[in-house]
Amino acid sequence: MDSTDKAILSFLQENVEIPVADIAEQVGLTTTPCWRRIQRLQKQGVISKKVALLSAQKLGLTMTVFVQIKAGRHDGKWLDKFAQYASAFDEVVEFYRMSGEYDYLLKVLVTDMASFDYFYKRFVNGIDVKDVTSSFAMEQIKYATALPLNHL
């Protein structure tokens, strides 16, 4: 990956709908070589998907909750079952296995406290976990979908 690929990726992360001709002009290429680079980046999996980013606020998803979970067990079968179980909830928009005191971290988006309570009851009643704690985000300071490219 060279500086031109990095520049193309930077433009695409800001607006995937920008015409290839405009990107090409900005990075000093003609349209066809720029298009070929984008195709190569897609084929390599660097560009994994093109999506529309929606506004959680405009959709009424005004409450962000970080749910930390201690596993009920640590065998592979339970871990696979838990991963499938937690991933199936639409409210869970991010899901991580962690090091440290808690085993898993979920980022949950809901409309209000009643919606979170409904989610929480369904979640804890469906699978055995040792401990669950929730933290409510009071303010979103930074939200970015663009990945850092400075290391390339």
N, C-alpha and C. Protein backbone atom coordinates (compact mmCIF):
# COMPACT_ATOMS: atom_id res chain seq x y z
N MET A 1 0.85 -1.17 0.00
CA MET A 1 0.00 0.00 0.00
C MET A 1 0.90 1.24 0.00
N ASP A 2 0.63 2.14 -0.92
CA ASP A 2 1.45 3.35 -1.02
C ASP A 2 0.64 4.58 -0.60
N SER A 3 1.24 5.74 -0.72
CA SER A 3 0.59 6.98 -0.29
C SER A 3 -0.66 7.29 -1.11
N THR A 4 -0.69 6.85 -2.36
CA THR A 4 -1.88 7.08 -3.19
C THR A 4 -3.04 6.22 -2.69
N ASP A 5 -2.78 4.96 -2.38
CA ASP A 5 -3.82 4.10 -1.80
C ASP A 5 -4.34 4.71 -0.50
N LYS A 6 -3.43 5.18 0.33
CA LYS A 6 -3.79 5.80 1.61
C LYS A 6 -4.69 7.02 1.37
N ALA A 7 -4.35 7.84 0.40
CA ALA A 7 -5.16 9.03 0.09
C ALA A 7 -6.54 8.63 -0.43
N ILE A 8 -6.59 7.62 -1.28
CA ILE A 8 -7.88 7.13 -1.79
C ILE A 8 -8.75 6.64 -0.63
N LEU A 9 -8.16 5.85 0.25
CA LEU A 9 -8.91 5.35 1.41
C LEU A 9 -9.41 6.49 2.29
N SER A 10 -8.60 7.49 2.46
CA SER A 10 -8.99 8.64 3.26
C SER A 10 -10.22 9.33 2.66
N PHE A 11 -10.21 9.55 1.36
CA PHE A 11 -11.37 10.16 0.70
C PHE A 11 -12.61 9.27 0.83
N LEU A 12 -12.45 7.97 0.60
CA LEU A 12 -13.59 7.06 0.67
C LEU A 12 -14.17 6.96 2.07
N GLN A 13 -13.32 7.06 3.10
CA GLN A 13 -13.84 7.02 4.47
C GLN A 13 -14.68 8.24 4.80
N GLU A 14 -14.39 9.34 4.16
CA GLU A 14 -15.16 10.56 4.39
C GLU A 14 -16.47 10.56 3.62
N ASN A 15 -16.46 10.02 2.40
CA ASN A 15 -17.67 9.99 1.57
C ASN A 15 -17.49 8.97 0.45
N VAL A 16 -18.10 7.82 0.62
CA VAL A 16 -17.95 6.74 -0.37
C VAL A 16 -18.66 7.06 -1.69
N GLU A 17 -19.52 8.07 -1.68
CA GLU A 17 -20.26 8.43 -2.89
C GLU A 17 -19.51 9.43 -3.77
N ILE A 18 -18.34 9.88 -3.34
CA ILE A 18 -17.57 10.81 -4.16
C ILE A 18 -17.22 10.11 -5.48
N PRO A 19 -17.43 10.77 -6.61
CA PRO A 19 -17.13 10.13 -7.90
C PRO A 19 -15.64 9.77 -8.01
N VAL A 20 -15.39 8.64 -8.65
CA VAL A 20 -14.02 8.17 -8.83
C VAL A 20 -13.19 9.23 -9.55
N ALA A 21 -13.79 9.91 -10.50
CA ALA A 21 -13.06 10.96 -11.23
C ALA A 21 -12.58 12.06 -10.29
N ASP A 22 -13.38 12.42 -9.31
CA ASP A 22 -12.99 13.44 -8.34
C ASP A 22 -11.86 12.95 -7.43
N ILE A 23 -11.96 11.71 -7.00
CA ILE A 23 -10.88 11.13 -6.19
C ILE A 23 -9.59 11.09 -7.01
N ALA A 24 -9.71 10.62 -8.24
CA ALA A 24 -8.54 10.52 -9.12
C ALA A 24 -7.85 11.87 -9.27
N GLU A 25 -8.63 12.90 -9.47
CA GLU A 25 -8.07 14.25 -9.62
C GLU A 25 -7.33 14.67 -8.35
N GLN A 26 -7.92 14.38 -7.19
CA GLN A 26 -7.32 14.77 -5.91
C GLN A 26 -6.02 14.03 -5.60
N VAL A 27 -5.91 12.78 -6.09
CA VAL A 27 -4.71 11.99 -5.79
C VAL A 27 -3.70 11.95 -6.94
N GLY A 28 -4.02 12.67 -8.02
CA GLY A 28 -3.07 12.77 -9.13
C GLY A 28 -3.06 11.59 -10.09
N LEU A 29 -4.21 10.96 -10.25
CA LEU A 29 -4.35 9.85 -11.20
C LEU A 29 -5.43 10.18 -12.22
N THR A 30 -5.50 9.37 -13.27
CA THR A 30 -6.66 9.43 -14.15
C THR A 30 -7.70 8.46 -13.59
N THR A 31 -8.90 8.52 -14.12
CA THR A 31 -10.01 7.76 -13.55
C THR A 31 -9.78 6.25 -13.54
N THR A 32 -9.33 5.69 -14.65
CA THR A 32 -9.21 4.23 -14.74
C THR A 32 -8.20 3.66 -13.74
N PRO A 33 -6.98 4.20 -13.64
CA PRO A 33 -6.06 3.66 -12.62
C PRO A 33 -6.59 3.82 -11.19
N CYS A 34 -7.30 4.92 -10.94
CA CYS A 34 -7.87 5.11 -9.61
C CYS A 34 -8.94 4.05 -9.35
N TRP A 35 -9.81 3.82 -10.32
CA TRP A 35 -10.85 2.81 -10.18
C TRP A 35 -10.23 1.44 -9.96
N ARG A 36 -9.13 1.12 -10.69
CA ARG A 36 -8.45 -0.17 -10.51
C ARG A 36 -7.89 -0.32 -9.10
N ARG A 37 -7.35 0.75 -8.56
CA ARG A 37 -6.83 0.71 -7.19
C ARG A 37 -7.96 0.43 -6.20
N ILE A 38 -9.09 1.09 -6.38
CA ILE A 38 -10.24 0.86 -5.50
C ILE A 38 -10.70 -0.58 -5.60
N GLN A 39 -10.77 -1.11 -6.82
CA GLN A 39 -11.16 -2.51 -7.01
C GLN A 39 -10.18 -3.45 -6.32
N ARG A 40 -8.87 -3.16 -6.43
CA ARG A 40 -7.86 -4.00 -5.79
C ARG A 40 -8.01 -3.95 -4.26
N LEU A 41 -8.25 -2.76 -3.72
CA LEU A 41 -8.42 -2.61 -2.28
C LEU A 41 -9.66 -3.38 -1.79
N GLN A 42 -10.69 -3.41 -2.62
CA GLN A 42 -11.88 -4.20 -2.26
C GLN A 42 -11.56 -5.69 -2.32
N LYS A 43 -10.88 -6.11 -3.37
CA LYS A 43 -10.55 -7.53 -3.53
C LYS A 43 -9.64 -8.01 -2.40
N GLN A 44 -8.75 -7.14 -1.92
CA GLN A 44 -7.84 -7.49 -0.83
C GLN A 44 -8.54 -7.47 0.53
N GLY A 45 -9.75 -6.95 0.58
CA GLY A 45 -10.49 -6.88 1.84
C GLY A 45 -10.18 -5.65 2.66
N VAL A 46 -9.34 -4.74 2.14
CA VAL A 46 -9.07 -3.50 2.86
C VAL A 46 -10.35 -2.68 2.94
N ILE A 47 -11.07 -2.59 1.83
CA ILE A 47 -12.42 -2.02 1.82
C ILE A 47 -13.35 -3.20 1.98
N SER A 48 -13.92 -3.35 3.17
CA SER A 48 -14.71 -4.55 3.44
C SER A 48 -16.19 -4.39 3.12
N LYS A 49 -16.68 -3.16 3.13
CA LYS A 49 -18.11 -2.97 2.92
C LYS A 49 -18.38 -1.49 2.69
N LYS A 50 -19.41 -1.20 1.93
CA LYS A 50 -19.87 0.18 1.74
C LYS A 50 -21.27 0.26 2.33
N VAL A 51 -21.45 1.18 3.29
CA VAL A 51 -22.71 1.26 4.01
C VAL A 51 -23.14 2.72 4.17
N ALA A 52 -24.40 2.91 4.54
CA ALA A 52 -24.89 4.23 4.93
C ALA A 52 -24.79 4.32 6.44
N LEU A 53 -24.23 5.42 6.95
CA LEU A 53 -24.17 5.64 8.38
C LEU A 53 -25.40 6.42 8.79
N LEU A 54 -26.14 5.87 9.73
CA LEU A 54 -27.39 6.48 10.17
C LEU A 54 -27.16 7.26 11.46
N SER A 55 -28.00 8.24 11.69
CA SER A 55 -27.93 9.04 12.90
C SER A 55 -28.75 8.37 13.99
N ALA A 56 -28.08 7.88 15.02
CA ALA A 56 -28.78 7.25 16.15
C ALA A 56 -29.75 8.25 16.78
N GLN A 57 -29.32 9.49 16.92
CA GLN A 57 -30.16 10.53 17.53
C GLN A 57 -31.44 10.74 16.73
N LYS A 58 -31.31 10.87 15.41
CA LYS A 58 -32.49 11.10 14.56
C LYS A 58 -33.44 9.91 14.57
N LEU A 59 -32.91 8.72 14.87
CA LEU A 59 -33.74 7.52 14.94
C LEU A 59 -34.27 7.26 16.34
N GLY A 60 -34.00 8.19 17.26
CA GLY A 60 -34.53 8.06 18.61
C GLY A 60 -33.69 7.18 19.53
N LEU A 61 -32.53 6.73 19.07
CA LEU A 61 -31.66 5.89 19.89
C LEU A 61 -30.74 6.81 20.69
N THR A 62 -31.31 7.39 21.74
CA THR A 62 -30.63 8.45 22.48
C THR A 62 -29.88 7.97 23.71
N MET A 63 -29.98 6.68 24.02
CA MET A 63 -29.30 6.16 25.19
C MET A 63 -28.27 5.11 24.77
N THR A 64 -27.01 5.36 25.16
CA THR A 64 -25.92 4.43 24.91
C THR A 64 -25.54 3.81 26.25
N VAL A 65 -25.51 2.48 26.28
CA VAL A 65 -25.20 1.76 27.51
C VAL A 65 -24.05 0.79 27.23
N PHE A 66 -23.05 0.81 28.10
CA PHE A 66 -21.96 -0.14 28.01
C PHE A 66 -22.21 -1.21 29.08
N VAL A 67 -22.39 -2.43 28.63
CA VAL A 67 -22.72 -3.54 29.52
C VAL A 67 -21.49 -4.44 29.63
N GLN A 68 -21.02 -4.63 30.87
CA GLN A 68 -19.88 -5.50 31.13
C GLN A 68 -20.38 -6.80 31.74
N ILE A 69 -19.82 -7.91 31.27
CA ILE A 69 -20.30 -9.22 31.67
C ILE A 69 -19.14 -10.10 32.11
N LYS A 70 -19.33 -10.79 33.24
CA LYS A 70 -18.42 -11.85 33.66
C LYS A 70 -19.06 -13.16 33.24
N ALA A 71 -18.29 -13.99 32.60
CA ALA A 71 -18.80 -15.25 32.06
C ALA A 71 -19.25 -16.19 33.17
N GLY A 72 -20.31 -16.94 32.86
CA GLY A 72 -20.79 -17.96 33.78
C GLY A 72 -19.85 -19.15 33.81
N ARG A 73 -19.27 -19.46 32.66
CA ARG A 73 -18.31 -20.55 32.52
C ARG A 73 -17.27 -20.11 31.50
N HIS A 74 -16.20 -20.86 31.40
CA HIS A 74 -15.14 -20.49 30.47
C HIS A 74 -14.78 -21.62 29.51
N ASP A 75 -15.69 -22.53 29.27
CA ASP A 75 -15.42 -23.59 28.29
C ASP A 75 -15.84 -23.12 26.90
N GLY A 76 -15.24 -23.71 25.88
CA GLY A 76 -15.47 -23.30 24.50
C GLY A 76 -16.92 -23.36 24.06
N LYS A 77 -17.63 -24.39 24.51
CA LYS A 77 -19.03 -24.54 24.12
C LYS A 77 -19.88 -23.38 24.64
N TRP A 78 -19.68 -23.02 25.92
CA TRP A 78 -20.43 -21.90 26.49
C TRP A 78 -20.06 -20.59 25.78
N LEU A 79 -18.76 -20.40 25.53
CA LEU A 79 -18.31 -19.16 24.89
C LEU A 79 -18.93 -19.00 23.50
N ASP A 80 -18.98 -20.07 22.75
CA ASP A 80 -19.62 -20.01 21.41
C ASP A 80 -21.11 -19.70 21.54
N LYS A 81 -21.76 -20.36 22.47
CA LYS A 81 -23.19 -20.13 22.69
C LYS A 81 -23.45 -18.68 23.10
N PHE A 82 -22.61 -18.16 24.01
CA PHE A 82 -22.78 -16.78 24.46
C PHE A 82 -22.56 -15.79 23.33
N ALA A 83 -21.54 -16.02 22.51
CA ALA A 83 -21.27 -15.12 21.38
C ALA A 83 -22.45 -15.07 20.43
N GLN A 84 -23.03 -16.20 20.12
CA GLN A 84 -24.21 -16.24 19.25
C GLN A 84 -25.40 -15.57 19.91
N TYR A 85 -25.59 -15.85 21.19
CA TYR A 85 -26.71 -15.30 21.94
C TYR A 85 -26.67 -13.77 21.98
N ALA A 86 -25.54 -13.21 22.42
CA ALA A 86 -25.43 -11.76 22.57
C ALA A 86 -25.47 -11.05 21.21
N SER A 87 -24.90 -11.66 20.20
CA SER A 87 -24.89 -11.06 18.86
C SER A 87 -26.27 -10.98 18.24
N ALA A 88 -27.19 -11.80 18.69
CA ALA A 88 -28.53 -11.85 18.11
C ALA A 88 -29.42 -10.67 18.51
N PHE A 89 -29.03 -9.91 19.52
CA PHE A 89 -29.84 -8.76 19.95
C PHE A 89 -29.55 -7.56 19.05
N ASP A 90 -30.57 -7.01 18.42
CA ASP A 90 -30.40 -5.83 17.56
C ASP A 90 -29.83 -4.64 18.33
N GLU A 91 -30.17 -4.53 19.61
CA GLU A 91 -29.70 -3.41 20.42
C GLU A 91 -28.18 -3.42 20.62
N VAL A 92 -27.57 -4.59 20.50
CA VAL A 92 -26.12 -4.71 20.67
C VAL A 92 -25.46 -4.33 19.35
N VAL A 93 -24.78 -3.18 19.35
CA VAL A 93 -24.15 -2.69 18.12
C VAL A 93 -22.65 -2.94 18.09
N GLU A 94 -22.05 -3.22 19.24
CA GLU A 94 -20.65 -3.61 19.31
C GLU A 94 -20.53 -4.64 20.43
N PHE A 95 -19.58 -5.58 20.26
CA PHE A 95 -19.46 -6.71 21.18
C PHE A 95 -18.00 -7.15 21.20
N TYR A 96 -17.38 -7.11 22.37
CA TYR A 96 -15.96 -7.43 22.49
C TYR A 96 -15.72 -8.44 23.60
N ARG A 97 -14.73 -9.33 23.38
CA ARG A 97 -14.19 -10.17 24.45
C ARG A 97 -13.01 -9.40 25.01
N MET A 98 -12.96 -9.28 26.33
CA MET A 98 -12.01 -8.37 26.98
C MET A 98 -11.02 -9.12 27.86
N SER A 99 -9.93 -8.43 28.17
CA SER A 99 -9.06 -8.87 29.25
C SER A 99 -9.45 -8.06 30.48
N GLY A 100 -9.02 -8.50 31.63
CA GLY A 100 -9.31 -7.74 32.84
C GLY A 100 -10.44 -8.35 33.65
N GLU A 101 -11.05 -7.52 34.47
CA GLU A 101 -12.05 -7.99 35.43
C GLU A 101 -13.30 -8.55 34.76
N TYR A 102 -13.74 -7.94 33.68
CA TYR A 102 -14.93 -8.41 32.96
C TYR A 102 -14.51 -9.10 31.68
N ASP A 103 -15.28 -10.10 31.30
CA ASP A 103 -14.94 -10.92 30.14
C ASP A 103 -15.45 -10.35 28.82
N TYR A 104 -16.58 -9.64 28.87
CA TYR A 104 -17.21 -9.13 27.65
C TYR A 104 -17.69 -7.70 27.85
N LEU A 105 -17.69 -6.94 26.77
CA LEU A 105 -18.22 -5.59 26.76
C LEU A 105 -19.18 -5.46 25.59
N LEU A 106 -20.39 -5.01 25.89
CA LEU A 106 -21.39 -4.77 24.86
C LEU A 106 -21.68 -3.28 24.80
N LYS A 107 -21.80 -2.76 23.61
CA LYS A 107 -22.31 -1.40 23.44
C LYS A 107 -23.75 -1.57 22.96
N VAL A 108 -24.66 -1.00 23.73
CA VAL A 108 -26.09 -1.18 23.49
C VAL A 108 -26.71 0.19 23.21
N LEU A 109 -27.50 0.29 22.14
CA LEU A 109 -28.23 1.52 21.82
C LEU A 109 -29.72 1.27 21.99
N VAL A 110 -30.37 2.14 22.77
CA VAL A 110 -31.81 2.05 23.02
C VAL A 110 -32.41 3.45 23.05
N THR A 111 -33.73 3.50 23.08
CA THR A 111 -34.42 4.79 23.07
C THR A 111 -34.49 5.45 24.43
N ASP A 112 -34.61 4.65 25.48
CA ASP A 112 -34.79 5.21 26.82
C ASP A 112 -34.56 4.13 27.87
N MET A 113 -34.74 4.49 29.14
CA MET A 113 -34.50 3.54 30.23
C MET A 113 -35.44 2.34 30.16
N ALA A 114 -36.69 2.57 29.81
CA ALA A 114 -37.64 1.46 29.71
C ALA A 114 -37.19 0.47 28.64
N SER A 115 -36.67 0.98 27.53
CA SER A 115 -36.17 0.10 26.47
C SER A 115 -34.96 -0.68 26.93
N PHE A 116 -34.09 -0.02 27.70
CA PHE A 116 -32.94 -0.75 28.22
C PHE A 116 -33.37 -1.82 29.21
N ASP A 117 -34.31 -1.49 30.07
CA ASP A 117 -34.81 -2.47 31.04
C ASP A 117 -35.39 -3.68 30.33
N TYR A 118 -36.12 -3.46 29.25
CA TYR A 118 -36.68 -4.55 28.45
C TYR A 118 -35.55 -5.40 27.85
N PHE A 119 -34.54 -4.75 27.29
CA PHE A 119 -33.38 -5.47 26.75
C PHE A 119 -32.70 -6.28 27.86
N TYR A 120 -32.42 -5.62 28.99
CA TYR A 120 -31.69 -6.24 30.09
C TYR A 120 -32.39 -7.51 30.59
N LYS A 121 -33.70 -7.41 30.79
CA LYS A 121 -34.45 -8.57 31.29
C LYS A 121 -34.39 -9.73 30.30
N ARG A 122 -34.55 -9.44 29.02
CA ARG A 122 -34.45 -10.50 28.00
C ARG A 122 -33.05 -11.09 27.97
N PHE A 123 -32.06 -10.23 28.09
CA PHE A 123 -30.67 -10.68 28.01
C PHE A 123 -30.30 -11.59 29.17
N VAL A 124 -30.52 -11.15 30.41
CA VAL A 124 -30.07 -11.94 31.56
C VAL A 124 -30.93 -13.17 31.80
N ASN A 125 -32.17 -13.17 31.34
CA ASN A 125 -33.02 -14.35 31.52
C ASN A 125 -32.75 -15.45 30.51
N GLY A 126 -31.96 -15.15 29.47
CA GLY A 126 -31.75 -16.12 28.41
C GLY A 126 -30.47 -16.92 28.49
N ILE A 127 -29.55 -16.51 29.35
CA ILE A 127 -28.26 -17.22 29.42
C ILE A 127 -27.66 -17.03 30.81
N ASP A 128 -26.87 -18.01 31.23
CA ASP A 128 -26.24 -17.98 32.55
C ASP A 128 -24.97 -17.14 32.50
N VAL A 129 -24.95 -16.04 33.27
CA VAL A 129 -23.76 -15.23 33.41
C VAL A 129 -23.47 -15.04 34.90
N LYS A 130 -22.21 -14.80 35.23
CA LYS A 130 -21.82 -14.65 36.64
C LYS A 130 -22.17 -13.27 37.16
N ASP A 131 -21.92 -12.23 36.36
CA ASP A 131 -22.16 -10.86 36.80
C ASP A 131 -22.38 -9.97 35.59
N VAL A 132 -23.24 -8.97 35.76
CA VAL A 132 -23.51 -7.98 34.71
C VAL A 132 -23.54 -6.62 35.37
N THR A 133 -22.86 -5.67 34.78
CA THR A 133 -22.93 -4.28 35.24
C THR A 133 -23.08 -3.38 34.03
N SER A 134 -23.81 -2.30 34.20
CA SER A 134 -24.09 -1.40 33.09
C SER A 134 -23.67 0.02 33.44
N SER A 135 -23.10 0.70 32.47
CA SER A 135 -22.73 2.11 32.60
C SER A 135 -23.42 2.88 31.49
N PHE A 136 -24.02 4.01 31.84
CA PHE A 136 -24.78 4.81 30.90
C PHE A 136 -23.94 6.00 30.45
N ALA A 137 -23.77 6.15 29.14
CA ALA A 137 -23.02 7.27 28.60
C ALA A 137 -23.83 8.55 28.81
N MET A 138 -23.19 9.53 29.37
CA MET A 138 -23.86 10.81 29.62
C MET A 138 -23.71 11.75 28.42
N GLU A 139 -22.57 11.64 27.73
CA GLU A 139 -22.30 12.50 26.58
C GLU A 139 -21.32 11.80 25.66
N GLN A 140 -21.57 11.87 24.38
CA GLN A 140 -20.63 11.33 23.40
C GLN A 140 -19.67 12.45 23.02
N ILE A 141 -18.41 12.27 23.35
CA ILE A 141 -17.40 13.29 23.09
C ILE A 141 -16.84 13.15 21.68
N LYS A 142 -16.57 11.93 21.27
CA LYS A 142 -16.05 11.69 19.93
C LYS A 142 -16.67 10.41 19.38
N TYR A 143 -17.03 10.46 18.13
CA TYR A 143 -17.51 9.29 17.41
C TYR A 143 -16.92 9.35 16.01
N ALA A 144 -16.21 8.34 15.64
CA ALA A 144 -15.60 8.32 14.32
C ALA A 144 -15.79 6.94 13.69
N THR A 145 -16.02 6.93 12.41
CA THR A 145 -16.05 5.67 11.69
C THR A 145 -14.79 5.50 10.85
N ALA A 146 -14.09 6.61 10.60
CA ALA A 146 -12.86 6.57 9.82
C ALA A 146 -11.74 5.97 10.65
N LEU A 147 -11.05 5.00 10.07
CA LEU A 147 -9.92 4.36 10.76
C LEU A 147 -8.67 5.20 10.58
N PRO A 148 -7.77 5.19 11.56
CA PRO A 148 -6.51 5.94 11.41
C PRO A 148 -5.65 5.29 10.33
N LEU A 149 -5.04 6.12 9.52
CA LEU A 149 -4.19 5.62 8.43
C LEU A 149 -2.74 6.09 8.56
N ASN A 150 -2.43 6.85 9.60
CA ASN A 150 -1.09 7.44 9.76
C ASN A 150 0.00 6.40 9.84
N HIS A 151 -0.29 5.21 10.30
CA HIS A 151 0.72 4.18 10.46
C HIS A 151 1.11 3.51 9.15
N LEU A 152 0.35 3.76 8.10
CA LEU A 152 0.62 3.12 6.80
C LEU A 152 1.75 3.81 6.06
